[in-house]
Amino acid sequence: MTRTRLALLAILLSTTCFIYGQVDKIVIPAGTPEDQALTAINNERDTQKRLAMYQDFLEKFASNPAAIAYANWQLSQYYQSAGDLQKAAECGDKAAAGAPHNIDILVSQVTIAQGIKDNARVFKYSVQGGEAFDSIEKQPKPAEVSDEQFASGIASAKEENKGSYEFFESAAFNAIAAETDAKTRMDYVDQFTTVFPKSKFDEQIASYAMLSLSQLKDNRRLNSYAEKALTANPDNLPALLLVANSYVDGSEPGGTAKALTYAQRAIVAAKADDPAADKSRKISAGVAHSVAGRAYAKQEKTALSITELKSATSLLKGQDDQQFAVAAYYLGWDYAKLNRLTEARSVLNEIAAISGPVQQPAKDLLTKVNTARAAGK
């Protein structure tokens, strides 16, 4: 950075600091030893010598947080351009630690983290960036600044950084979508909803929350999220299916009836009979019929259960092997319960060949059915 540029930044700081508040702007005043050292570094054309000079700079000015943050940021940018993204991320970590609300540094860190597919870093710095943007509006008004000037300054700062905020929001959402661990994903969702309220991704975030809570078997929070999602959109298929599954698997009093209600709503919303229905809608309808069948079975309404499960297997066969296996297993169970052993054997033989979590239970039930058939003969 040239002396002219540094001097300009110093002037900007004195005239607009009330606008930026807690959004860090690194300023090295012109003429200071730090400025002189940086000028010497920028004048050096040999890359290796410049790197060595930056290391000396970091040691010499270790007590100056702004200078250290700036030097580490410059090193991060160097390593990024050289293709050493891991080293760039490490230097960027140090820069961000020294200037935690510097939006430019945080954008750089998110970009680098995306390059090395470091999901945790992507999310960490995206949230930190969102918090930095949020801090613009939370700063106190200086006594010497009029209300009109202050409001104008805040609006200008927010407009200037709006693009970065949207970048952080999208990057944080993509980190949630890429996270495979349910607990970590749910932790991310909780942070996201706090830092990025009224997000354009709210509906998708709710779906990831419900998926995570379903995997964590936290039915209380799952049902709460689903109810909120359904208030906003009564035909939200992921919400209807997740809450239906939650109730049919749970032991809550009245839960079976609720599972049936939500499953029936999902069947209507999916419109699988519509000629324009795609694969996703047909699978959703199939899963809803499967849940309805299981709910009827729990109510000892076996004939109705069989009707729903036959609809489910018809929709799911060839579309989703695992969901087909679940529906077919319960259909085989119903047939066996009514002593319709030949039909039970036919269904169970088919799904016993499908690899997955249902395969072994299907084989076990098939063994019992075959034993009962043999005894009957």
Protein backbone atom coordinates (compact mmCIF):
# COMPACT_ATOMS: atom_id res chain seq x y z
CA MET A 1 0.00 0.00 0.00
CA THR A 2 1.48 3.38 -1.00
CA ARG A 3 1.97 6.31 1.31
CA THR A 4 -0.64 8.28 -0.66
CA ARG A 5 -3.17 5.49 -0.23
CA LEU A 6 -2.44 5.24 3.48
CA ALA A 7 -2.82 8.97 3.93
CA LEU A 8 -6.11 8.86 2.09
CA LEU A 9 -7.33 6.10 4.39
CA ALA A 10 -6.35 8.16 7.41
CA ILE A 11 -8.43 11.05 6.07
CA LEU A 12 -11.37 8.74 5.39
CA LEU A 13 -11.16 7.40 8.91
CA SER A 14 -11.39 10.86 10.42
CA THR A 15 -14.42 11.85 8.34
CA THR A 16 -16.48 8.65 8.20
CA CYS A 17 -15.65 6.61 11.28
CA PHE A 18 -19.13 7.24 12.67
CA ILE A 19 -20.58 5.58 9.57
CA TYR A 20 -18.69 2.34 9.77
CA GLY A 21 -18.83 1.82 13.50
CA GLN A 22 -17.83 -1.70 14.32
CA VAL A 23 -17.04 -2.66 10.69
CA ASP A 24 -13.24 -2.65 10.84
CA LYS A 25 -11.29 -0.52 8.41
CA ILE A 26 -7.58 -1.15 8.74
CA VAL A 27 -5.70 2.15 8.71
CA ILE A 28 -1.94 2.58 9.01
CA PRO A 29 -1.29 6.34 9.48
CA ALA A 30 1.15 7.85 7.00
CA GLY A 31 4.66 8.47 8.25
CA THR A 32 4.58 5.93 11.06
CA PRO A 33 7.26 3.23 11.32
CA GLU A 34 4.63 0.68 10.22
CA ASP A 35 3.86 2.77 7.12
CA GLN A 36 7.56 3.08 6.29
CA ALA A 37 8.09 -0.67 6.68
CA LEU A 38 5.11 -1.46 4.45
CA THR A 39 6.34 0.99 1.81
CA ALA A 40 9.69 -0.80 1.78
CA ILE A 41 7.96 -4.16 1.42
CA ASN A 42 5.83 -2.93 -1.48
CA ASN A 43 8.92 -1.52 -3.22
CA GLU A 44 10.69 -4.90 -3.04
CA ARG A 45 10.29 -6.85 -6.29
CA ASP A 46 11.81 -10.15 -5.12
CA THR A 47 8.95 -12.34 -3.82
CA GLN A 48 11.01 -14.34 -1.34
CA LYS A 49 12.54 -11.19 0.11
CA ARG A 50 9.08 -9.65 0.45
CA LEU A 51 7.86 -12.70 2.36
CA ALA A 52 10.85 -12.49 4.69
CA MET A 53 10.20 -8.78 5.20
CA TYR A 54 6.57 -9.49 6.13
CA GLN A 55 7.75 -12.00 8.73
CA ASP A 56 10.10 -9.37 10.16
CA PHE A 57 7.23 -6.89 10.12
CA LEU A 58 5.02 -9.27 12.12
CA GLU A 59 7.70 -9.67 14.78
CA LYS A 60 8.63 -5.99 14.96
CA PHE A 61 5.06 -4.67 15.22
CA ALA A 62 3.50 -7.51 17.19
CA SER A 63 1.94 -5.02 19.61
CA ASN A 64 -0.03 -3.26 16.85
CA PRO A 65 -3.18 -5.34 16.10
CA ALA A 66 -4.13 -3.35 13.01
CA ALA A 67 -0.67 -3.69 11.48
CA ILE A 68 -0.53 -7.41 12.25
CA ALA A 69 -4.00 -7.97 10.77
CA TYR A 70 -3.03 -6.08 7.62
CA ALA A 71 0.27 -7.95 7.15
CA ASN A 72 -1.38 -11.32 7.64
CA TRP A 73 -4.08 -10.36 5.15
CA GLN A 74 -1.45 -9.44 2.57
CA LEU A 75 0.29 -12.78 3.17
CA SER A 76 -3.03 -14.57 2.81
CA GLN A 77 -3.67 -12.88 -0.52
CA TYR A 78 -0.15 -13.77 -1.70
CA TYR A 79 -0.56 -17.46 -0.85
CA GLN A 80 -4.02 -17.47 -2.42
CA SER A 81 -2.68 -16.13 -5.72
CA ALA A 82 0.19 -18.65 -5.52
CA GLY A 83 -2.31 -21.50 -5.18
CA ASP A 84 -1.39 -22.47 -1.59
CA LEU A 85 -4.92 -22.14 -0.22
CA GLN A 86 -4.21 -23.93 3.05
CA LYS A 87 -1.45 -21.47 3.90
CA ALA A 88 -3.67 -18.63 2.72
CA ALA A 89 -6.42 -19.79 5.08
CA GLU A 90 -4.01 -19.97 8.03
CA CYS A 91 -2.74 -16.43 7.45
CA GLY A 92 -6.31 -15.28 6.92
CA ASP A 93 -7.30 -16.79 10.27
CA LYS A 94 -4.75 -14.54 11.94
CA ALA A 95 -5.90 -11.51 9.97
CA ALA A 96 -9.53 -12.14 10.91
CA ALA A 97 -8.58 -12.62 14.56
CA GLY A 98 -6.99 -9.16 14.55
CA ALA A 99 -9.82 -7.51 12.59
CA PRO A 100 -12.91 -9.62 13.32
CA HIS A 101 -15.35 -7.17 11.71
CA ASN A 102 -13.37 -6.41 8.56
CA ILE A 103 -15.77 -7.45 5.83
CA ASP A 104 -13.10 -7.55 3.09
CA ILE A 105 -10.99 -9.99 5.09
CA LEU A 106 -14.02 -12.13 5.92
CA VAL A 107 -15.09 -12.29 2.25
CA SER A 108 -11.56 -13.39 1.41
CA GLN A 109 -11.61 -16.08 4.11
CA VAL A 110 -14.93 -17.50 2.95
CA THR A 111 -13.69 -17.63 -0.64
CA ILE A 112 -10.48 -19.40 0.36
CA ALA A 113 -12.37 -21.85 2.58
CA GLN A 114 -14.68 -22.67 -0.32
CA GLY A 115 -11.62 -23.37 -2.44
CA ILE A 116 -10.29 -25.97 0.01
CA LYS A 117 -13.81 -27.29 0.71
CA ASP A 118 -13.45 -26.48 4.42
CA ASN A 119 -17.13 -26.35 5.34
CA ALA A 120 -16.53 -25.38 8.96
CA ARG A 121 -14.41 -22.38 7.95
CA VAL A 122 -16.93 -21.34 5.30
CA PHE A 123 -19.72 -21.28 7.85
CA LYS A 124 -17.66 -19.66 10.62
CA TYR A 125 -16.57 -16.70 8.53
CA SER A 126 -19.92 -16.34 6.76
CA VAL A 127 -21.64 -15.94 10.12
CA GLN A 128 -18.89 -13.61 11.31
CA GLY A 129 -19.46 -11.54 8.16
CA GLY A 130 -23.19 -11.43 8.79
CA GLU A 131 -22.55 -10.26 12.34
CA ALA A 132 -20.17 -7.58 11.08
CA PHE A 133 -22.85 -6.28 8.72
CA ASP A 134 -25.42 -6.37 11.51
CA SER A 135 -23.12 -4.32 13.74
CA ILE A 136 -23.43 -1.34 11.38
CA GLU A 137 -26.92 -0.59 12.65
CA LYS A 138 -26.15 -1.29 16.30
CA GLN A 139 -23.43 1.29 16.83
CA PRO A 140 -24.12 4.26 19.13
CA LYS A 141 -24.53 7.68 17.57
CA PRO A 142 -21.64 10.08 18.30
CA ALA A 143 -22.78 13.22 20.09
CA GLU A 144 -21.31 15.54 17.44
CA VAL A 145 -23.26 13.88 14.61
CA SER A 146 -26.85 14.89 13.83
CA ASP A 147 -29.61 12.28 13.63
CA GLU A 148 -29.97 12.91 9.91
CA GLN A 149 -26.24 12.52 9.25
CA PHE A 150 -26.10 9.37 11.34
CA ALA A 151 -29.09 7.76 9.61
CA SER A 152 -27.66 8.70 6.20
CA GLY A 153 -24.26 7.25 7.13
CA ILE A 154 -25.77 3.99 8.36
CA ALA A 155 -27.82 3.63 5.17
CA SER A 156 -24.75 4.31 3.01
CA ALA A 157 -22.63 1.79 4.89
CA LYS A 158 -25.32 -0.88 4.61
CA GLU A 159 -25.77 -0.24 0.90
CA GLU A 160 -22.00 -0.39 0.36
CA ASN A 161 -21.78 -3.78 2.09
CA LYS A 162 -25.08 -5.26 0.89
CA GLY A 163 -23.41 -7.42 -1.75
CA SER A 164 -21.01 -8.87 0.83
CA TYR A 165 -23.92 -9.62 3.18
CA GLU A 166 -25.72 -11.52 0.43
CA PHE A 167 -22.50 -13.42 -0.32
CA PHE A 168 -22.17 -14.42 3.35
CA GLU A 169 -25.84 -15.45 3.48
CA SER A 170 -25.55 -17.70 0.42
CA ALA A 171 -22.23 -19.19 1.56
CA ALA A 172 -23.65 -20.00 5.00
CA PHE A 173 -26.70 -21.63 3.44
CA ASN A 174 -24.53 -23.74 1.12
CA ALA A 175 -22.46 -24.84 4.12
CA ILE A 176 -25.64 -26.03 5.84
CA ALA A 177 -26.71 -27.90 2.70
CA ALA A 178 -23.29 -29.58 2.44
CA GLU A 179 -23.08 -30.61 6.13
CA THR A 180 -23.66 -34.34 6.66
CA ASP A 181 -23.60 -34.47 10.46
CA ALA A 182 -27.12 -33.85 11.82
CA LYS A 183 -26.03 -32.21 15.08
CA THR A 184 -23.56 -29.88 13.39
CA ARG A 185 -26.12 -29.04 10.70
CA MET A 186 -28.72 -28.17 13.34
CA ASP A 187 -26.19 -26.01 15.20
CA TYR A 188 -25.54 -24.19 11.93
CA VAL A 189 -29.28 -23.71 11.37
CA ASP A 190 -29.69 -22.15 14.82
CA GLN A 191 -26.85 -19.70 14.15
CA PHE A 192 -28.07 -18.93 10.63
CA THR A 193 -31.58 -18.00 11.73
CA THR A 194 -30.15 -15.59 14.31
CA VAL A 195 -27.61 -13.89 12.03
CA PHE A 196 -29.67 -13.90 8.81
CA PRO A 197 -33.29 -13.23 9.88
CA LYS A 198 -35.96 -13.09 7.17
CA SER A 199 -33.60 -14.82 4.77
CA LYS A 200 -34.52 -15.69 1.21
CA PHE A 201 -33.53 -19.24 2.20
CA ASP A 202 -35.95 -19.50 5.12
CA GLU A 203 -38.08 -22.27 3.60
CA GLN A 204 -35.05 -24.41 2.68
CA ILE A 205 -33.48 -23.75 6.08
CA ALA A 206 -36.66 -24.99 7.77
CA SER A 207 -36.44 -28.17 5.70
CA TYR A 208 -32.83 -28.76 6.75
CA ALA A 209 -33.80 -28.10 10.36
CA MET A 210 -36.59 -30.65 10.21
CA LEU A 211 -34.32 -33.20 8.51
CA SER A 212 -31.67 -32.70 11.20
CA LEU A 213 -34.15 -32.95 14.07
CA SER A 214 -35.68 -36.05 12.52
CA GLN A 215 -32.24 -37.67 12.35
CA LEU A 216 -31.56 -36.61 15.93
CA LYS A 217 -34.98 -37.96 16.96
CA ASP A 218 -35.81 -34.66 18.65
CA ASN A 219 -39.52 -34.92 17.92
CA ARG A 220 -40.55 -32.00 20.12
CA ARG A 221 -38.43 -29.47 18.22
CA LEU A 222 -39.16 -31.18 14.91
CA ASN A 223 -42.89 -30.76 15.36
CA SER A 224 -42.41 -27.14 16.39
CA TYR A 225 -40.38 -26.37 13.24
CA ALA A 226 -42.87 -28.23 11.07
CA GLU A 227 -45.84 -26.34 12.50
CA LYS A 228 -44.11 -23.02 11.78
CA ALA A 229 -43.30 -24.13 8.24
CA LEU A 230 -46.88 -25.26 7.69
CA THR A 231 -48.25 -21.97 9.00
CA ALA A 232 -46.29 -20.22 6.28
CA ASN A 233 -47.14 -22.84 3.64
CA PRO A 234 -49.88 -25.41 4.46
CA ASP A 235 -48.84 -27.53 1.45
CA ASN A 236 -45.13 -27.76 2.40
CA LEU A 237 -44.56 -31.43 1.50
CA PRO A 238 -41.24 -31.94 3.37
CA ALA A 239 -42.84 -30.51 6.53
CA LEU A 240 -45.99 -32.62 6.17
CA LEU A 241 -44.01 -35.83 5.64
CA LEU A 242 -41.50 -35.23 8.40
CA VAL A 243 -44.11 -34.41 11.02
CA ALA A 244 -46.27 -37.36 9.88
CA ASN A 245 -43.29 -39.70 10.26
CA SER A 246 -42.45 -38.16 13.62
CA TYR A 247 -45.93 -38.83 14.98
CA VAL A 248 -46.27 -42.34 13.57
CA ASP A 249 -42.88 -43.33 15.05
CA GLY A 250 -43.54 -41.67 18.42
CA SER A 251 -45.52 -42.64 21.46
CA GLU A 252 -47.26 -39.32 22.09
CA PRO A 253 -50.94 -39.72 23.06
CA GLY A 254 -53.02 -39.02 19.97
CA GLY A 255 -49.89 -39.13 17.82
CA THR A 256 -51.19 -41.86 15.52
CA ALA A 257 -54.27 -39.84 14.62
CA LYS A 258 -52.09 -36.78 13.97
CA ALA A 259 -49.77 -38.87 11.78
CA LEU A 260 -52.75 -39.96 9.71
CA THR A 261 -54.02 -36.39 9.36
CA TYR A 262 -50.65 -35.06 8.17
CA ALA A 263 -50.16 -38.04 5.83
CA GLN A 264 -53.55 -37.44 4.22
CA ARG A 265 -52.73 -33.75 3.80
CA ALA A 266 -49.45 -34.73 2.12
CA ILE A 267 -51.28 -37.07 -0.27
CA VAL A 268 -53.57 -34.23 -1.33
CA ALA A 269 -50.68 -31.74 -1.64
CA ALA A 270 -48.53 -34.11 -3.72
CA LYS A 271 -51.22 -34.57 -6.41
CA ALA A 272 -49.56 -37.74 -7.67
CA ASP A 273 -52.51 -38.43 -10.02
CA ASP A 274 -51.87 -35.21 -11.90
CA PRO A 275 -50.39 -36.02 -15.35
CA ALA A 276 -47.81 -33.31 -14.69
CA ALA A 277 -46.67 -34.90 -11.40
CA ASP A 278 -42.92 -35.47 -11.42
CA LYS A 279 -40.91 -38.23 -9.72
CA SER A 280 -40.45 -36.21 -6.53
CA ARG A 281 -44.18 -35.68 -6.07
CA LYS A 282 -44.92 -39.35 -6.72
CA ILE A 283 -42.34 -40.41 -4.15
CA SER A 284 -43.78 -37.93 -1.65
CA ALA A 285 -47.26 -39.32 -2.21
CA GLY A 286 -45.94 -42.86 -1.86
CA VAL A 287 -44.26 -42.05 1.45
CA ALA A 288 -47.47 -40.37 2.65
CA HIS A 289 -49.51 -43.47 1.80
CA SER A 290 -46.90 -45.57 3.62
CA VAL A 291 -47.22 -43.47 6.77
CA ALA A 292 -51.02 -43.61 6.53
CA GLY A 293 -50.82 -47.40 6.26
CA ARG A 294 -48.61 -47.66 9.33
CA ALA A 295 -50.97 -45.36 11.24
CA TYR A 296 -53.98 -47.52 10.36
CA ALA A 297 -52.02 -50.62 11.40
CA LYS A 298 -51.34 -49.07 14.82
CA GLN A 299 -55.07 -48.43 15.11
CA GLU A 300 -55.72 -52.15 14.33
CA LYS A 301 -57.42 -51.19 11.05
CA THR A 302 -55.53 -53.76 9.01
CA ALA A 303 -57.73 -53.72 5.91
CA LEU A 304 -57.34 -49.94 5.56
CA SER A 305 -53.62 -50.30 6.24
CA ILE A 306 -53.25 -52.78 3.37
CA THR A 307 -55.07 -50.44 0.99
CA GLU A 308 -52.74 -47.55 1.84
CA LEU A 309 -49.60 -49.69 1.70
CA LYS A 310 -50.53 -51.14 -1.69
CA SER A 311 -50.91 -47.58 -2.99
CA ALA A 312 -47.54 -46.74 -1.47
CA THR A 313 -45.69 -49.69 -3.05
CA SER A 314 -47.31 -48.96 -6.42
CA LEU A 315 -46.03 -45.36 -6.35
CA LEU A 316 -42.59 -46.15 -4.91
CA LYS A 317 -41.58 -49.23 -6.89
CA GLY A 318 -38.85 -48.32 -9.34
CA GLN A 319 -38.72 -44.79 -7.92
CA ASP A 320 -37.16 -45.14 -4.46
CA ASP A 321 -35.94 -48.60 -3.42
CA GLN A 322 -35.53 -47.80 0.28
CA GLN A 323 -38.95 -46.20 0.73
CA PHE A 324 -40.47 -49.02 -1.34
CA ALA A 325 -38.85 -51.54 1.00
CA VAL A 326 -40.31 -49.82 4.08
CA ALA A 327 -43.85 -49.80 2.66
CA ALA A 328 -43.57 -53.37 1.37
CA TYR A 329 -42.28 -54.62 4.74
CA TYR A 330 -45.33 -53.28 6.56
CA LEU A 331 -47.56 -54.65 3.79
CA GLY A 332 -46.00 -58.08 4.29
CA TRP A 333 -46.55 -57.72 8.03
CA ASP A 334 -50.25 -56.95 7.48
CA TYR A 335 -50.67 -59.95 5.19
CA ALA A 336 -48.98 -62.19 7.73
CA LYS A 337 -51.20 -60.84 10.50
CA LEU A 338 -54.29 -61.85 8.48
CA ASN A 339 -52.68 -65.23 7.76
CA ARG A 340 -52.49 -64.38 4.06
CA LEU A 341 -49.12 -66.10 4.01
CA THR A 342 -48.69 -66.58 0.28
CA GLU A 343 -49.16 -62.86 -0.35
CA ALA A 344 -46.87 -62.04 2.58
CA ARG A 345 -44.19 -64.38 1.20
CA SER A 346 -44.39 -62.82 -2.27
CA VAL A 347 -43.91 -59.29 -0.93
CA LEU A 348 -41.16 -60.21 1.53
CA ASN A 349 -39.20 -62.24 -1.03
CA GLU A 350 -38.96 -59.16 -3.21
CA ILE A 351 -37.65 -56.77 -0.55
CA ALA A 352 -35.35 -59.34 1.07
CA ALA A 353 -33.20 -58.89 -2.02
CA ILE A 354 -32.93 -55.10 -1.60
CA SER A 355 -29.83 -53.99 0.29
CA GLY A 356 -30.50 -51.52 3.08
CA PRO A 357 -31.81 -51.21 6.63
CA VAL A 358 -35.05 -53.08 5.86
CA GLN A 359 -33.34 -56.12 4.33
CA GLN A 360 -32.59 -58.04 7.52
CA PRO A 361 -35.99 -57.42 9.21
CA ALA A 362 -37.62 -58.55 5.95
CA LYS A 363 -35.55 -61.75 5.95
CA ASP A 364 -36.44 -62.41 9.59
CA LEU A 365 -40.15 -61.93 8.93
CA LEU A 366 -39.92 -64.04 5.78
CA THR A 367 -38.42 -66.89 7.81
CA LYS A 368 -41.38 -66.76 10.21
CA VAL A 369 -43.86 -66.68 7.31
CA ASN A 370 -42.19 -69.67 5.63
CA THR A 371 -42.23 -71.57 8.90
CA ALA A 372 -45.92 -70.84 9.38
CA ARG A 373 -46.70 -71.91 5.80
CA ALA A 374 -44.80 -75.16 6.26
CA ALA A 375 -46.64 -75.86 9.52
CA GLY A 376 -49.96 -75.16 7.80
CA LYS A 377 -49.30 -77.75 5.17
